Amino acid sequence: MADGFDVSWIWDINFDNLNNVSRIVTSGKRAYDIAIRIKNSGFDASKIEPHLNLDEAIKSLYATNTKKYVIANYTALQPTRKALGL
């Protein structure tokens, strides 16, 4: 099964340079795991919005009129592109 149960890769990501980020929306079955990792990097937990449902995450993402960046892992790339209408 792709992405399996081993979430150690989440801890290999460098989230230390989020100085100019006003909020983060996470999604998918690892939404809470990634949110915890980002919180542990020092990012304000009140500015992290985990959503298990991709469509809900997209709605939340577009709820603000700010610059957005979307990062998806390899198994989430195509569903995320579809949900974004790309």
PDB file of N, CA and C in Angstrom:
ATOM      1  N   MET A   1       0.844  -1.175   0.000  1.00  0.00           N
ATOM      2  CA  MET A   1       0.000   0.000   0.000  1.00  0.00           C
ATOM      3  C   MET A   1       0.893   1.243   0.000  1.00  0.00           C
ATOM      4  N   ALA A   2       0.670   2.117  -0.937  1.00  0.00           N
ATOM      5  CA  ALA A   2       1.455   3.352  -1.025  1.00  0.00           C
ATOM      6  C   ALA A   2       1.239   4.198   0.226  1.00  0.00           C
ATOM      7  N   ASP A   3       2.274   4.825   0.686  1.00  0.00           N
ATOM      8  CA  ASP A   3       2.295   5.668   1.884  1.00  0.00           C
ATOM      9  C   ASP A   3       2.146   4.876   3.172  1.00  0.00           C
ATOM     10  N   GLY A   4       1.680   3.668   3.127  1.00  0.00           N
ATOM     11  CA  GLY A   4       1.659   2.754   4.264  1.00  0.00           C
ATOM     12  C   GLY A   4       1.407   3.365   5.627  1.00  0.00           C
ATOM     13  N   PHE A   5       1.997   2.747   6.625  1.00  0.00           N
ATOM     14  CA  PHE A   5       1.797   3.170   8.010  1.00  0.00           C
ATOM     15  C   PHE A   5       3.013   3.899   8.571  1.00  0.00           C
ATOM     16  N   ASP A   6       4.116   3.855   7.871  1.00  0.00           N
ATOM     17  CA  ASP A   6       5.340   4.485   8.344  1.00  0.00           C
ATOM     18  C   ASP A   6       5.312   5.971   7.990  1.00  0.00           C
ATOM     19  N   VAL A   7       5.201   6.817   8.999  1.00  0.00           N
ATOM     20  CA  VAL A   7       5.134   8.265   8.765  1.00  0.00           C
ATOM     21  C   VAL A   7       6.456   8.956   9.099  1.00  0.00           C
ATOM     22  N   SER A   8       7.522   8.185   9.197  1.00  0.00           N
ATOM     23  CA  SER A   8       8.808   8.786   9.547  1.00  0.00           C
ATOM     24  C   SER A   8       9.252   9.819   8.517  1.00  0.00           C
ATOM     25  N   TRP A   9       8.834   9.675   7.260  1.00  0.00           N
ATOM     26  CA  TRP A   9       9.211  10.631   6.218  1.00  0.00           C
ATOM     27  C   TRP A   9       8.727  12.040   6.542  1.00  0.00           C
ATOM     28  N   ILE A  10       7.643  12.154   7.296  1.00  0.00           N
ATOM     29  CA  ILE A  10       7.104  13.466   7.657  1.00  0.00           C
ATOM     30  C   ILE A  10       8.124  14.239   8.490  1.00  0.00           C
ATOM     31  N   TRP A  11       8.895  13.528   9.293  1.00  0.00           N
ATOM     32  CA  TRP A  11       9.878  14.172  10.167  1.00  0.00           C
ATOM     33  C   TRP A  11      11.151  14.539   9.422  1.00  0.00           C
ATOM     34  N   ASP A  12      11.306  14.078   8.184  1.00  0.00           N
ATOM     35  CA  ASP A  12      12.456  14.433   7.364  1.00  0.00           C
ATOM     36  C   ASP A  12      12.259  15.761   6.629  1.00  0.00           C
ATOM     37  N   ILE A  13      11.044  16.288   6.634  1.00  0.00           N
ATOM     38  CA  ILE A  13      10.729  17.529   5.925  1.00  0.00           C
ATOM     39  C   ILE A  13      11.139  18.722   6.790  1.00  0.00           C
ATOM     40  N   ASN A  14      11.804  19.685   6.174  1.00  0.00           N
ATOM     41  CA  ASN A  14      12.230  20.881   6.883  1.00  0.00           C
ATOM     42  C   ASN A  14      11.116  21.931   6.824  1.00  0.00           C
ATOM     43  N   PHE A  15      10.466  22.165   7.953  1.00  0.00           N
ATOM     44  CA  PHE A  15       9.414  23.177   8.054  1.00  0.00           C
ATOM     45  C   PHE A  15       9.894  24.398   8.846  1.00  0.00           C
ATOM     46  N   ASP A  16      11.193  24.593   8.953  1.00  0.00           N
ATOM     47  CA  ASP A  16      11.728  25.666   9.786  1.00  0.00           C
ATOM     48  C   ASP A  16      11.571  27.060   9.188  1.00  0.00           C
ATOM     49  N   ASN A  17      11.371  27.186   7.889  1.00  0.00           N
ATOM     50  CA  ASN A  17      11.320  28.499   7.250  1.00  0.00           C
ATOM     51  C   ASN A  17       9.890  28.845   6.820  1.00  0.00           C
ATOM     52  N   LEU A  18       9.016  28.978   7.787  1.00  0.00           N
ATOM     53  CA  LEU A  18       7.624  29.334   7.505  1.00  0.00           C
ATOM     54  C   LEU A  18       7.300  30.737   8.015  1.00  0.00           C
ATOM     55  N   ASN A  19       8.305  31.601   8.050  1.00  0.00           N
ATOM     56  CA  ASN A  19       8.157  32.937   8.620  1.00  0.00           C
ATOM     57  C   ASN A  19       7.072  33.777   7.960  1.00  0.00           C
ATOM     58  N   ASN A  20       6.910  33.679   6.654  1.00  0.00           N
ATOM     59  CA  ASN A  20       5.954  34.509   5.929  1.00  0.00           C
ATOM     60  C   ASN A  20       4.645  33.790   5.626  1.00  0.00           C
ATOM     61  N   VAL A  21       4.392  32.689   6.296  1.00  0.00           N
ATOM     62  CA  VAL A  21       3.180  31.900   6.070  1.00  0.00           C
ATOM     63  C   VAL A  21       2.147  32.275   7.129  1.00  0.00           C
ATOM     64  N   SER A  22       0.939  32.625   6.680  1.00  0.00           N
ATOM     65  CA  SER A  22      -0.095  33.060   7.627  1.00  0.00           C
ATOM     66  C   SER A  22      -0.975  31.916   8.114  1.00  0.00           C
ATOM     67  N   ARG A  23      -1.100  30.854   7.321  1.00  0.00           N
ATOM     68  CA  ARG A  23      -1.861  29.679   7.751  1.00  0.00           C
ATOM     69  C   ARG A  23      -1.520  28.514   6.861  1.00  0.00           C
ATOM     70  N   ILE A  24      -1.754  27.310   7.394  1.00  0.00           N
ATOM     71  CA  ILE A  24      -1.464  26.085   6.659  1.00  0.00           C
ATOM     72  C   ILE A  24      -2.683  25.186   6.719  1.00  0.00           C
ATOM     73  N   VAL A  25      -3.080  24.655   5.561  1.00  0.00           N
ATOM     74  CA  VAL A  25      -4.178  23.692   5.466  1.00  0.00           C
ATOM     75  C   VAL A  25      -3.556  22.353   5.088  1.00  0.00           C
ATOM     76  N   THR A  26      -3.787  21.334   5.917  1.00  0.00           N
ATOM     77  CA  THR A  26      -3.313  19.992   5.590  1.00  0.00           C
ATOM     78  C   THR A  26      -4.514  19.123   5.250  1.00  0.00           C
ATOM     79  N   SER A  27      -4.277  18.071   4.472  1.00  0.00           N
ATOM     80  CA  SER A  27      -5.393  17.232   4.050  1.00  0.00           C
ATOM     81  C   SER A  27      -4.948  15.795   3.861  1.00  0.00           C
ATOM     82  N   GLY A  28      -5.938  14.919   3.792  1.00  0.00           N
ATOM     83  CA  GLY A  28      -5.677  13.510   3.553  1.00  0.00           C
ATOM     84  C   GLY A  28      -5.577  12.715   4.838  1.00  0.00           C
ATOM     85  N   LYS A  29      -5.299  11.435   4.689  1.00  0.00           N
ATOM     86  CA  LYS A  29      -5.277  10.579   5.873  1.00  0.00           C
ATOM     87  C   LYS A  29      -4.105  10.887   6.794  1.00  0.00           C
ATOM     88  N   ARG A  30      -3.129  11.642   6.335  1.00  0.00           N
ATOM     89  CA  ARG A  30      -1.999  12.067   7.169  1.00  0.00           C
ATOM     90  C   ARG A  30      -2.104  13.534   7.577  1.00  0.00           C
ATOM     91  N   ALA A  31      -3.288  14.128   7.444  1.00  0.00           N
ATOM     92  CA  ALA A  31      -3.478  15.556   7.751  1.00  0.00           C
ATOM     93  C   ALA A  31      -3.068  15.896   9.175  1.00  0.00           C
ATOM     94  N   TYR A  32      -3.440  15.076  10.129  1.00  0.00           N
ATOM     95  CA  TYR A  32      -3.118  15.356  11.534  1.00  0.00           C
ATOM     96  C   TYR A  32      -1.658  15.061  11.844  1.00  0.00           C
ATOM     97  N   ASP A  33      -1.093  14.030  11.207  1.00  0.00           N
ATOM     98  CA  ASP A  33       0.332  13.729  11.398  1.00  0.00           C
ATOM     99  C   ASP A  33       1.193  14.893  10.904  1.00  0.00           C
ATOM    100  N   ILE A  34       0.850  15.421   9.735  1.00  0.00           N
ATOM    101  CA  ILE A  34       1.612  16.541   9.186  1.00  0.00           C
ATOM    102  C   ILE A  34       1.395  17.799  10.026  1.00  0.00           C
ATOM    103  N   ALA A  35       0.161  18.013  10.491  1.00  0.00           N
ATOM    104  CA  ALA A  35      -0.124  19.174  11.348  1.00  0.00           C
ATOM    105  C   ALA A  35       0.720  19.121  12.631  1.00  0.00           C
ATOM    106  N   ILE A  36       0.833  17.950  13.221  1.00  0.00           N
ATOM    107  CA  ILE A  36       1.652  17.805  14.432  1.00  0.00           C
ATOM    108  C   ILE A  36       3.116  18.090  14.118  1.00  0.00           C
ATOM    109  N   ARG A  37       3.592  17.590  12.987  1.00  0.00           N
ATOM    110  CA  ARG A  37       4.989  17.835  12.596  1.00  0.00           C
ATOM    111  C   ARG A  37       5.248  19.329  12.408  1.00  0.00           C
ATOM    112  N   ILE A  38       4.322  20.019  11.742  1.00  0.00           N
ATOM    113  CA  ILE A  38       4.490  21.459  11.511  1.00  0.00           C
ATOM    114  C   ILE A  38       4.438  22.213  12.837  1.00  0.00           C
ATOM    115  N   LYS A  39       3.529  21.821  13.714  1.00  0.00           N
ATOM    116  CA  LYS A  39       3.441  22.444  15.046  1.00  0.00           C
ATOM    117  C   LYS A  39       4.759  22.259  15.794  1.00  0.00           C
ATOM    118  N   ASN A  40       5.338  21.069  15.718  1.00  0.00           N
ATOM    119  CA  ASN A  40       6.595  20.794  16.418  1.00  0.00           C
ATOM    120  C   ASN A  40       7.791  21.542  15.830  1.00  0.00           C
ATOM    121  N   SER A  41       7.622  22.091  14.632  1.00  0.00           N
ATOM    122  CA  SER A  41       8.696  22.904  14.054  1.00  0.00           C
ATOM    123  C   SER A  41       8.658  24.323  14.608  1.00  0.00           C
ATOM    124  N   GLY A  42       7.616  24.634  15.409  1.00  0.00           N
ATOM    125  CA  GLY A  42       7.498  25.957  16.004  1.00  0.00           C
ATOM    126  C   GLY A  42       6.411  26.813  15.395  1.00  0.00           C
ATOM    127  N   PHE A  43       5.713  26.318  14.385  1.00  0.00           N
ATOM    128  CA  PHE A  43       4.636  27.081  13.751  1.00  0.00           C
ATOM    129  C   PHE A  43       3.440  27.128  14.698  1.00  0.00           C
ATOM    130  N   ASP A  44       2.758  28.250  14.739  1.00  0.00           N
ATOM    131  CA  ASP A  44       1.609  28.462  15.618  1.00  0.00           C
ATOM    132  C   ASP A  44       0.494  27.463  15.295  1.00  0.00           C
ATOM    133  N   ALA A  45       0.159  26.607  16.240  1.00  0.00           N
ATOM    134  CA  ALA A  45      -0.850  25.558  16.033  1.00  0.00           C
ATOM    135  C   ALA A  45      -2.216  26.122  15.679  1.00  0.00           C
ATOM    136  N   SER A  46      -2.536  27.323  16.136  1.00  0.00           N
ATOM    137  CA  SER A  46      -3.848  27.911  15.832  1.00  0.00           C
ATOM    138  C   SER A  46      -3.974  28.305  14.369  1.00  0.00           C
ATOM    139  N   LYS A  47      -2.868  28.293  13.629  1.00  0.00           N
ATOM    140  CA  LYS A  47      -2.876  28.649  12.213  1.00  0.00           C
ATOM    141  C   LYS A  47      -2.770  27.424  11.304  1.00  0.00           C
ATOM    142  N   ILE A  48      -2.938  26.238  11.894  1.00  0.00           N
ATOM    143  CA  ILE A  48      -2.887  24.989  11.133  1.00  0.00           C
ATOM    144  C   ILE A  48      -4.294  24.397  11.095  1.00  0.00           C
ATOM    145  N   GLU A  49      -4.779  24.104   9.895  1.00  0.00           N
ATOM    146  CA  GLU A  49      -6.127  23.556   9.724  1.00  0.00           C
ATOM    147  C   GLU A  49      -6.064  22.180   9.061  1.00  0.00           C
ATOM    148  N   PRO A  50      -6.122  21.113   9.842  1.00  0.00           N
ATOM    149  CA  PRO A  50      -6.132  19.776   9.232  1.00  0.00           C
ATOM    150  C   PRO A  50      -7.541  19.375   8.786  1.00  0.00           C
ATOM    151  N   HIS A  51      -7.619  18.799   7.600  1.00  0.00           N
ATOM    152  CA  HIS A  51      -8.885  18.291   7.051  1.00  0.00           C
ATOM    153  C   HIS A  51      -8.631  16.906   6.478  1.00  0.00           C
ATOM    154  N   LEU A  52      -9.379  15.929   6.927  1.00  0.00           N
ATOM    155  CA  LEU A  52      -9.238  14.586   6.355  1.00  0.00           C
ATOM    156  C   LEU A  52      -9.787  14.549   4.934  1.00  0.00           C
ATOM    157  N   ASN A  53     -10.805  15.351   4.667  1.00  0.00           N
ATOM    158  CA  ASN A  53     -11.469  15.371   3.364  1.00  0.00           C
ATOM    159  C   ASN A  53     -10.821  16.417   2.460  1.00  0.00           C
ATOM    160  N   LEU A  54     -10.384  16.004   1.284  1.00  0.00           N
ATOM    161  CA  LEU A  54      -9.693  16.895   0.353  1.00  0.00           C
ATOM    162  C   LEU A  54     -10.585  18.044  -0.101  1.00  0.00           C
ATOM    163  N   ASP A  55     -11.849  17.767  -0.403  1.00  0.00           N
ATOM    164  CA  ASP A  55     -12.747  18.835  -0.855  1.00  0.00           C
ATOM    165  C   ASP A  55     -12.941  19.905   0.222  1.00  0.00           C
ATOM    166  N   GLU A  56     -13.039  19.488   1.481  1.00  0.00           N
ATOM    167  CA  GLU A  56     -13.150  20.449   2.580  1.00  0.00           C
ATOM    168  C   GLU A  56     -11.870  21.271   2.704  1.00  0.00           C
ATOM    169  N   ALA A  57     -10.747  20.642   2.507  1.00  0.00           N
ATOM    170  CA  ALA A  57      -9.471  21.354   2.565  1.00  0.00           C
ATOM    171  C   ALA A  57      -9.384  22.403   1.465  1.00  0.00           C
ATOM    172  N   ILE A  58      -9.836  22.056   0.266  1.00  0.00           N
ATOM    173  CA  ILE A  58      -9.810  22.999  -0.855  1.00  0.00           C
ATOM    174  C   ILE A  58     -10.715  24.190  -0.563  1.00  0.00           C
ATOM    175  N   LYS A  59     -11.912  23.933  -0.010  1.00  0.00           N
ATOM    176  CA  LYS A  59     -12.815  25.032   0.362  1.00  0.00           C
ATOM    177  C   LYS A  59     -12.153  25.941   1.386  1.00  0.00           C
ATOM    178  N   SER A  60     -11.497  25.355   2.369  1.00  0.00           N
ATOM    179  CA  SER A  60     -10.804  26.134   3.392  1.00  0.00           C
ATOM    180  C   SER A  60      -9.643  26.918   2.788  1.00  0.00           C
ATOM    181  N   LEU A  61      -8.941  26.297   1.876  1.00  0.00           N
ATOM    182  CA  LEU A  61      -7.818  26.949   1.216  1.00  0.00           C
ATOM    183  C   LEU A  61      -8.268  28.224   0.511  1.00  0.00           C
ATOM    184  N   TYR A  62      -9.398  28.150  -0.185  1.00  0.00           N
ATOM    185  CA  TYR A  62      -9.889  29.295  -0.952  1.00  0.00           C
ATOM    186  C   TYR A  62     -10.764  30.237  -0.133  1.00  0.00           C
ATOM    187  N   ALA A  63     -10.873  30.009   1.162  1.00  0.00           N
ATOM    188  CA  ALA A  63     -11.679  30.890   2.017  1.00  0.00           C
ATOM    189  C   ALA A  63     -11.000  32.238   2.245  1.00  0.00           C
ATOM    190  N   THR A  64      -9.717  32.316   1.937  1.00  0.00           N
ATOM    191  CA  THR A  64      -8.992  33.579   2.090  1.00  0.00           C
ATOM    192  C   THR A  64      -8.466  34.028   0.733  1.00  0.00           C
ATOM    193  N   ASN A  65      -8.237  35.313   0.633  1.00  0.00           N
ATOM    194  CA  ASN A  65      -7.739  35.886  -0.609  1.00  0.00           C
ATOM    195  C   ASN A  65      -6.251  36.203  -0.464  1.00  0.00           C
ATOM    196  N   THR A  66      -5.456  35.166  -0.290  1.00  0.00           N
ATOM    197  CA  THR A  66      -4.013  35.318  -0.142  1.00  0.00           C
ATOM    198  C   THR A  66      -3.303  34.401  -1.125  1.00  0.00           C
ATOM    199  N   LYS A  67      -2.016  34.624  -1.295  1.00  0.00           N
ATOM    200  CA  LYS A  67      -1.204  33.761  -2.149  1.00  0.00           C
ATOM    201  C   LYS A  67      -1.194  32.357  -1.564  1.00  0.00           C
ATOM    202  N   LYS A  68      -1.297  31.362  -2.433  1.00  0.00           N
ATOM    203  CA  LYS A  68      -1.374  29.974  -1.980  1.00  0.00           C
ATOM    204  C   LYS A  68      -0.325  29.107  -2.665  1.00  0.00           C
ATOM    205  N   TYR A  69       0.176  28.146  -1.910  1.00  0.00           N
ATOM    206  CA  TYR A  69       1.069  27.121  -2.435  1.00  0.00           C
ATOM    207  C   TYR A  69       0.464  25.782  -2.061  1.00  0.00           C
ATOM    208  N   VAL A  70       0.457  24.861  -3.006  1.00  0.00           N
ATOM    209  CA  VAL A  70      -0.078  23.526  -2.749  1.00  0.00           C
ATOM    210  C   VAL A  70       1.043  22.525  -2.956  1.00  0.00           C
ATOM    211  N   ILE A  71       1.257  21.690  -1.941  1.00  0.00           N
ATOM    212  CA  ILE A  71       2.270  20.644  -2.013  1.00  0.00           C
ATOM    213  C   ILE A  71       1.566  19.319  -1.783  1.00  0.00           C
ATOM    214  N   ALA A  72       1.766  18.382  -2.698  1.00  0.00           N
ATOM    215  CA  ALA A  72       1.131  17.066  -2.580  1.00  0.00           C
ATOM    216  C   ALA A  72       2.189  15.981  -2.743  1.00  0.00           C
ATOM    217  N   ASN A  73       2.032  14.899  -1.978  1.00  0.00           N
ATOM    218  CA  ASN A  73       2.957  13.785  -2.173  1.00  0.00           C
ATOM    219  C   ASN A  73       2.536  13.007  -3.416  1.00  0.00           C
ATOM    220  N   TYR A  74       3.298  12.018  -3.802  1.00  0.00           N
ATOM    221  CA  TYR A  74       3.071  11.356  -5.082  1.00  0.00           C
ATOM    222  C   TYR A  74       1.712  10.662  -5.185  1.00  0.00           C
ATOM    223  N   THR A  75       1.176  10.101  -4.110  1.00  0.00           N
ATOM    224  CA  THR A  75      -0.122   9.429  -4.222  1.00  0.00           C
ATOM    225  C   THR A  75      -1.277  10.421  -4.214  1.00  0.00           C
ATOM    226  N   ALA A  76      -1.054  11.608  -3.690  1.00  0.00           N
ATOM    227  CA  ALA A  76      -2.117  12.614  -3.618  1.00  0.00           C
ATOM    228  C   ALA A  76      -2.091  13.591  -4.789  1.00  0.00           C
ATOM    229  N   LEU A  77      -1.077  13.527  -5.618  1.00  0.00           N
ATOM    230  CA  LEU A  77      -0.924  14.536  -6.663  1.00  0.00           C
ATOM    231  C   LEU A  77      -2.107  14.597  -7.618  1.00  0.00           C
ATOM    232  N   GLN A  78      -2.497  13.506  -8.205  1.00  0.00           N
ATOM    233  CA  GLN A  78      -3.579  13.533  -9.187  1.00  0.00           C
ATOM    234  C   GLN A  78      -4.936  13.890  -8.554  1.00  0.00           C
ATOM    235  N   PRO A  79      -5.308  13.298  -7.392  1.00  0.00           N
ATOM    236  CA  PRO A  79      -6.567  13.717  -6.774  1.00  0.00           C
ATOM    237  C   PRO A  79      -6.565  15.206  -6.393  1.00  0.00           C
ATOM    238  N   THR A  80      -5.417  15.714  -5.987  1.00  0.00           N
ATOM    239  CA  THR A  80      -5.330  17.129  -5.611  1.00  0.00           C
ATOM    240  C   THR A  80      -5.474  18.007  -6.840  1.00  0.00           C
ATOM    241  N   ARG A  81      -4.821  17.669  -7.916  1.00  0.00           N
ATOM    242  CA  ARG A  81      -4.966  18.428  -9.174  1.00  0.00           C
ATOM    243  C   ARG A  81      -6.428  18.454  -9.609  1.00  0.00           C
ATOM    244  N   LYS A  82      -7.086  17.316  -9.526  1.00  0.00           N
ATOM    245  CA  LYS A  82      -8.499  17.237  -9.916  1.00  0.00           C
ATOM    246  C   LYS A  82      -9.366  18.126  -9.028  1.00  0.00           C
ATOM    247  N   ALA A  83      -9.154  18.058  -7.709  1.00  0.00           N
ATOM    248  CA  ALA A  83      -9.944  18.863  -6.771  1.00  0.00           C
ATOM    249  C   ALA A  83      -9.727  20.362  -6.972  1.00  0.00           C
ATOM    250  N   LEU A  84      -8.510  20.727  -7.402  1.00  0.00           N
ATOM    251  CA  LEU A  84      -8.197  22.135  -7.677  1.00  0.00           C
ATOM    252  C   LEU A  84      -8.689  22.588  -9.041  1.00  0.00           C
ATOM    253  N   GLY A  85      -9.148  21.639  -9.859  1.00  0.00           N
ATOM    254  CA  GLY A  85      -9.630  21.966 -11.190  1.00  0.00           C
ATOM    255  C   GLY A  85      -8.509  22.203 -12.189  1.00  0.00           C
ATOM    256  N   LEU A  86      -7.364  21.573 -11.958  1.00  0.00           N
ATOM    257  CA  LEU A  86      -6.217  21.746 -12.856  1.00  0.00           C
ATOM    258  C   LEU A  86      -6.137  20.637 -13.883  1.00  0.00           C
TER     259      LEU A  86
END
